[in-house]
Protein backbone atom coordinates (compact mmCIF):
# COMPACT_ATOMS: atom_id res chain seq x y z
CA UNK A 1 0.39 0.21 0.27
CA UNK A 2 1.07 3.97 -1.00
CA UNK A 3 2.20 5.85 2.15
CA UNK A 4 1.58 9.10 1.01
CA UNK A 5 -0.16 10.36 -2.31
CA UNK A 6 2.75 10.64 -3.93
CA UNK A 7 4.07 7.31 -3.38
CA UNK A 8 2.33 4.43 -5.75
CA UNK A 9 2.98 0.94 -6.19
CA UNK A 10 2.98 0.03 -9.79
CA UNK A 11 1.34 -2.24 -11.82
CA UNK A 12 0.28 -3.27 -15.02
CA UNK A 13 -3.08 -1.78 -14.78
CA UNK A 14 -1.99 1.70 -13.28
CA UNK A 15 1.54 2.36 -15.07
CA UNK A 16 0.19 4.77 -17.51
CA UNK A 17 -1.88 6.94 -15.15
CA UNK A 18 0.88 6.90 -12.18
CA UNK A 19 4.52 7.12 -14.27
CA UNK A 20 3.52 8.29 -17.99
CA UNK A 21 0.97 10.57 -17.33
CA UNK A 22 2.36 12.19 -13.58
CA UNK A 23 5.28 12.61 -15.47
CA UNK A 24 3.99 14.90 -17.47
CA UNK A 25 3.86 17.07 -14.66
CA UNK A 26 6.30 15.92 -11.88
CA UNK A 27 9.64 13.65 -12.36
CA UNK A 28 8.69 10.11 -11.13
CA UNK A 29 11.33 8.22 -9.88
CA UNK A 30 10.67 4.37 -9.92
CA UNK A 31 12.40 2.22 -7.86
CA UNK A 32 12.74 -1.70 -8.81
CA UNK A 33 12.84 -3.59 -6.28
CA UNK A 34 12.19 -7.77 -4.64
CA UNK A 35 11.26 -9.15 -1.39
CA UNK A 36 14.45 -11.49 -1.43
CA UNK A 37 16.56 -8.56 -2.44
CA UNK A 38 18.88 -6.95 1.14
CA UNK A 39 20.25 -3.71 -0.44
CA UNK A 40 16.56 -2.92 -2.06
CA UNK A 41 15.35 -2.87 1.87
CA UNK A 42 18.36 -0.35 2.51
CA UNK A 43 17.29 1.59 -0.13
CA UNK A 44 13.68 1.61 0.23
CA UNK A 45 13.61 3.92 3.54
CA UNK A 46 16.20 6.23 2.02
CA UNK A 47 13.34 7.00 -1.28
CA UNK A 48 10.39 7.46 0.75
CA UNK A 49 12.00 9.97 3.03
CA UNK A 50 13.02 11.65 -0.03
CA UNK A 51 9.57 11.06 -0.78
CA UNK A 52 8.10 12.75 2.12
CA UNK A 53 10.56 15.90 2.10
CA UNK A 54 10.17 16.74 -1.32
CA UNK A 55 6.32 16.62 -0.41
CA UNK A 56 4.75 16.40 -3.79
CA UNK A 57 7.81 17.26 -6.05
CA UNK A 58 8.84 13.54 -7.33
CA UNK A 59 6.29 10.89 -7.01
CA UNK A 60 8.16 7.44 -5.82
CA UNK A 61 7.00 4.38 -8.15
CA UNK A 62 7.61 1.63 -6.00
CA UNK A 63 7.43 -1.83 -8.20
CA UNK A 64 8.21 -5.32 -7.01
CA UNK A 65 10.08 -7.28 -9.89
CA UNK A 66 8.29 -10.55 -9.04
CA UNK A 67 5.01 -9.30 -9.56
CA UNK A 68 5.70 -7.17 -12.00
CA UNK A 69 7.35 -9.00 -14.11
CA UNK A 70 6.89 -7.66 -17.78
CA UNK A 71 7.18 -3.98 -16.81
CA UNK A 72 10.42 -5.26 -15.55
CA UNK A 73 11.33 -6.53 -18.88
CA UNK A 74 9.86 -3.89 -20.42
CA UNK A 75 12.60 -1.41 -18.84
CA UNK A 76 15.21 -3.54 -19.46
CA UNK A 77 15.95 -4.34 -15.46
CA UNK A 78 18.70 -6.56 -15.33
CA UNK A 79 19.50 -6.18 -11.52
CA UNK A 80 17.44 -4.96 -8.13
CA UNK A 81 18.15 -2.32 -6.84
CA UNK A 82 16.98 -0.07 -9.81
CA UNK A 83 16.27 3.33 -9.81
CA UNK A 84 14.69 4.95 -13.26
CA UNK A 85 13.88 8.32 -13.08
CA UNK A 86 11.33 9.21 -15.73
CA UNK A 87 10.47 12.83 -16.79
CA UNK A 88 7.47 14.05 -19.60
CA UNK A 89 7.71 10.40 -20.41
CA UNK A 90 11.48 9.99 -21.09
CA UNK A 91 13.65 7.52 -19.25
CA UNK A 92 16.32 10.80 -18.36
CA UNK A 93 18.62 9.18 -15.35
CA UNK A 94 19.16 5.71 -13.71
CA UNK A 95 20.95 4.37 -10.82
CA UNK A 96 21.81 0.68 -10.36
CA UNK A 97 22.40 -0.55 -6.57
CA UNK A 98 22.00 0.71 -3.56
CA UNK A 99 22.71 3.90 -3.27
CA UNK A 100 23.43 7.48 -0.57
CA UNK A 101 20.93 9.96 -0.03
CA UNK A 102 23.26 12.61 -1.40
CA UNK A 103 23.42 10.73 -5.23
CA UNK A 104 20.14 10.15 -5.52
CA UNK A 105 19.19 14.09 -3.93
CA UNK A 106 21.52 15.73 -6.37
CA UNK A 107 19.64 13.33 -9.31
CA UNK A 108 16.64 14.96 -8.62
CA UNK A 109 17.71 18.07 -8.01
CA UNK A 110 18.33 18.28 -11.59
CA UNK A 111 14.47 18.01 -12.12
CA UNK A 112 12.32 18.73 -9.00
CA UNK A 113 10.87 22.37 -9.24
CA UNK A 114 12.16 24.23 -6.12
CA UNK A 115 10.53 27.44 -4.26
CA UNK A 116 14.03 29.06 -4.61
CA UNK A 117 13.82 28.70 -8.85
CA UNK A 118 11.84 32.06 -9.72
CA UNK A 119 14.48 34.49 -7.41
CA UNK A 120 17.42 32.46 -9.51
CA UNK A 121 16.01 33.03 -12.57
CA UNK A 122 15.67 36.60 -11.60
CA UNK A 123 18.90 36.68 -10.15
CA UNK A 124 20.71 35.89 -13.43
CA UNK A 125 18.25 37.75 -16.06
CA UNK A 126 19.37 40.65 -13.69
CA UNK A 127 23.07 39.75 -13.36
CA UNK A 128 22.42 39.90 -17.42
CA UNK A 129 21.05 42.94 -17.82
CA UNK A 130 24.72 44.34 -15.42
CA UNK A 131 21.94 45.04 -12.29
CA UNK A 132 24.35 42.87 -9.90
CA UNK A 133 23.78 44.38 -6.53
CA UNK A 134 19.42 43.88 -7.64
CA UNK A 135 21.08 40.44 -8.84
CA UNK A 136 22.47 39.29 -5.50
CA UNK A 137 19.69 40.67 -3.82
CA UNK A 138 17.74 38.02 -5.57
CA UNK A 139 19.89 34.89 -4.84
CA UNK A 140 20.13 35.54 -1.47
CA UNK A 141 15.94 35.80 -1.08
CA UNK A 142 16.57 32.22 -2.82
CA UNK A 143 18.93 31.24 -0.44
CA UNK A 144 16.45 32.41 2.42
CA UNK A 145 13.45 29.86 0.87
CA UNK A 146 16.32 27.25 0.07
CA UNK A 147 18.98 26.94 2.92
CA UNK A 148 20.36 23.53 2.85
CA UNK A 149 20.62 23.76 -1.59
CA UNK A 150 24.05 24.54 -2.05
CA UNK A 151 24.16 24.72 -5.84
CA UNK A 152 22.27 28.13 -4.85
CA UNK A 153 25.32 29.29 -2.87
CA UNK A 154 27.19 28.12 -5.67
CA UNK A 155 25.29 30.48 -7.62
CA UNK A 156 25.91 33.82 -5.02
CA UNK A 157 30.28 33.46 -5.76
CA UNK A 158 29.19 33.83 -9.72
CA UNK A 159 27.70 36.66 -8.80
CA UNK A 160 29.40 38.30 -6.75
CA UNK A 161 32.40 37.62 -8.75
CA UNK A 162 30.21 39.32 -11.81
CA UNK A 163 29.91 42.33 -9.53
CA UNK A 164 33.72 42.75 -9.10
CA UNK A 165 32.96 41.61 -5.14
CA UNK A 166 35.78 39.46 -5.12
CA UNK A 167 36.61 39.77 -1.00
CA UNK A 168 32.69 39.23 -0.90
CA UNK A 169 32.81 35.46 -3.03
CA UNK A 170 36.09 34.09 -1.57
CA UNK A 171 34.41 34.35 1.96
CA UNK A 172 31.06 32.66 0.49
CA UNK A 173 33.61 29.92 -0.35
CA UNK A 174 35.08 29.48 2.75
CA UNK A 175 32.11 28.41 4.43
CA UNK A 176 30.70 26.84 1.30
CA UNK A 177 29.36 22.80 2.88
CA UNK A 178 31.50 20.10 1.85
CA UNK A 179 29.36 18.90 -1.38
CA UNK A 180 29.73 22.74 -2.46
CA UNK A 181 33.35 22.58 -2.15
CA UNK A 182 33.42 19.11 -4.36
CA UNK A 183 31.48 20.51 -6.86
CA UNK A 184 32.52 20.20 -10.42
CA UNK A 185 32.35 23.94 -10.81
CA UNK A 186 34.61 25.04 -8.15
CA UNK A 187 38.43 24.80 -10.33
CA UNK A 188 36.33 27.31 -12.36
CA UNK A 189 35.44 29.48 -9.56
CA UNK A 190 39.13 29.72 -7.96
CA UNK A 191 40.31 30.43 -11.48
CA UNK A 192 37.86 33.56 -11.93
CA UNK A 193 38.53 34.66 -8.19
CA UNK A 194 42.79 34.42 -8.72
CA UNK A 195 41.82 36.73 -11.61
CA UNK A 196 39.93 38.65 -9.66
CA UNK A 197 42.42 39.38 -6.93
CA UNK A 198 44.87 40.48 -9.65
CA UNK A 199 42.50 42.77 -10.59
CA UNK A 200 41.59 44.06 -7.16
CA UNK A 201 45.20 45.10 -7.29
CA UNK A 202 45.57 46.36 -10.44
CA UNK A 203 44.88 50.34 -11.50
CA UNK A 204 42.23 50.79 -14.23
CA UNK A 205 41.79 48.99 -17.23
CA UNK A 206 42.49 52.25 -19.07
CA UNK A 207 45.42 52.95 -17.54
CA UNK A 208 47.15 50.05 -17.76
CA UNK A 209 46.50 50.20 -21.97
CA UNK A 210 48.09 53.52 -21.75
CA UNK A 211 51.02 51.93 -19.84
CA UNK A 212 51.51 48.89 -22.75
CA UNK A 213 51.22 51.59 -25.44
CA UNK A 214 53.98 53.82 -23.41
CA UNK A 215 55.95 50.62 -22.99
CA UNK A 216 54.77 47.25 -24.39
CA UNK A 217 57.78 45.98 -21.82
CA UNK A 218 56.12 46.17 -18.86
CA UNK A 219 54.99 42.64 -18.25
CA UNK A 220 52.88 43.70 -14.85
CA UNK A 221 50.77 45.78 -16.96
CA UNK A 222 50.31 43.27 -19.32
CA UNK A 223 49.52 40.78 -16.56
CA UNK A 224 47.02 43.05 -14.85
CA UNK A 225 45.23 43.69 -18.38
CA UNK A 226 44.71 40.10 -18.91
CA UNK A 227 42.97 39.75 -15.55
CA UNK A 228 40.80 41.87 -16.98
CA UNK A 229 40.14 40.50 -19.86
CA UNK A 230 39.66 37.71 -18.69
CA UNK A 231 36.75 38.56 -16.33
CA UNK A 232 35.68 40.76 -19.40
CA UNK A 233 34.71 37.94 -21.54
CA UNK A 234 37.74 38.51 -23.72
CA UNK A 235 40.13 34.67 -22.84
CA UNK A 236 41.69 34.70 -26.65
CA UNK A 237 43.05 38.36 -25.81
CA UNK A 238 43.98 37.49 -22.33
CA UNK A 239 45.52 34.60 -23.75
CA UNK A 240 47.94 36.76 -25.84
CA UNK A 241 48.81 38.66 -23.22
CA UNK A 242 50.11 35.51 -21.18
CA UNK A 243 51.78 34.48 -24.15
CA UNK A 244 53.38 37.33 -24.33
CA UNK A 245 54.79 38.03 -20.77
CA UNK A 246 56.05 33.80 -21.57
CA UNK A 247 58.08 34.32 -24.53
CA UNK A 248 59.69 37.63 -22.77
CA UNK A 249 60.04 36.30 -19.15
CA UNK A 250 59.57 32.90 -17.94
CA UNK A 251 60.07 33.61 -14.48
CA UNK A 252 57.83 36.59 -14.26
CA UNK A 253 55.68 36.36 -11.51
CA UNK A 254 57.06 32.43 -10.30
CA UNK A 255 55.98 31.73 -13.89
CA UNK A 256 52.53 33.22 -13.12
CA UNK A 257 51.83 33.45 -17.30
CA UNK A 258 51.80 29.76 -17.67
CA UNK A 259 49.61 29.49 -14.35
CA UNK A 260 47.26 31.81 -15.54
CA UNK A 261 47.01 30.23 -18.84
CA UNK A 262 46.19 27.03 -17.35
CA UNK A 263 43.39 28.77 -15.29
CA UNK A 264 41.82 30.08 -18.25
CA UNK A 265 41.62 26.44 -19.92
CA UNK A 266 39.97 25.48 -16.81
CA UNK A 267 37.18 28.48 -17.41
CA UNK A 268 37.03 27.51 -20.76
CA UNK A 269 36.83 23.53 -20.90
CA UNK A 270 35.94 21.91 -24.27
CA UNK A 271 36.36 24.94 -26.01
CA UNK A 272 38.35 25.03 -29.23
CA UNK A 273 40.76 27.70 -28.20
CA UNK A 274 41.89 25.30 -25.33
CA UNK A 275 43.36 22.86 -27.57
CA UNK A 276 45.21 25.91 -30.11
CA UNK A 277 47.02 27.74 -26.90
CA UNK A 278 47.75 24.78 -25.21
CA UNK A 279 49.62 24.07 -28.64
CA UNK A 280 51.31 27.63 -28.46
CA UNK A 281 52.16 27.61 -25.07
CA UNK A 282 53.88 23.86 -25.44
CA UNK A 283 55.83 25.51 -28.02
CA UNK A 284 56.88 27.78 -25.57
CA UNK A 285 58.02 25.17 -23.42
CA UNK A 286 60.19 22.79 -24.75
């Protein structure tokens, strides 16, 4: 028997209603299990607790493979426990074996609606219009209504960096919870903060540009200008300047130009510029 209206037992007869139709409005997590399966009994309380906590933001559909072998076969279930997340009629994610709370929670978070979503959307809309104070105020509202959802705190860091409020961003980073510290976005955040520190210590960009016109060998001005260019969304110009510094003085700022290039590569990810400029950097190294 189902524990709540958002926890259901799936059968061949109610499958269309409980899974396909409901998945058009909220994600449906199908838990394939069996009475003889010990890991299933470990997983069941976890997903049941999550369903209770999320209170209708997703539906937990429990499917006993011994009682519903045809459905298990149609879903290609080869072992239990298996979790399949159905959203808008499609299987969007799958987990096999007993999983900890955090892994399942992270998967669900990519699909469930949250009370903080409107505030997050508003924050990035403001940021896109360069209304940085308004963006930060909106994301702080999102944190108030959803304090335990760490991606919003990462949003706050990104928005503080975009507003050139680097010291505040560093304070937030230091207090991030462990899951946030392990997030894939952290290397890019650290890279942007490093460029932010350089900009904080630098003159205005127009002064740096004038200094380079007067003296193209002013490596400090070129290095500081490259940091500005990264934060302004002009990574190719920044990489060109860092390559010039590498050509002129590899020891400048303890090989700072090469380190700066590596930081930009981290920011760009799979951008084709990375392989192009990595090759240019390698030719200067060897």
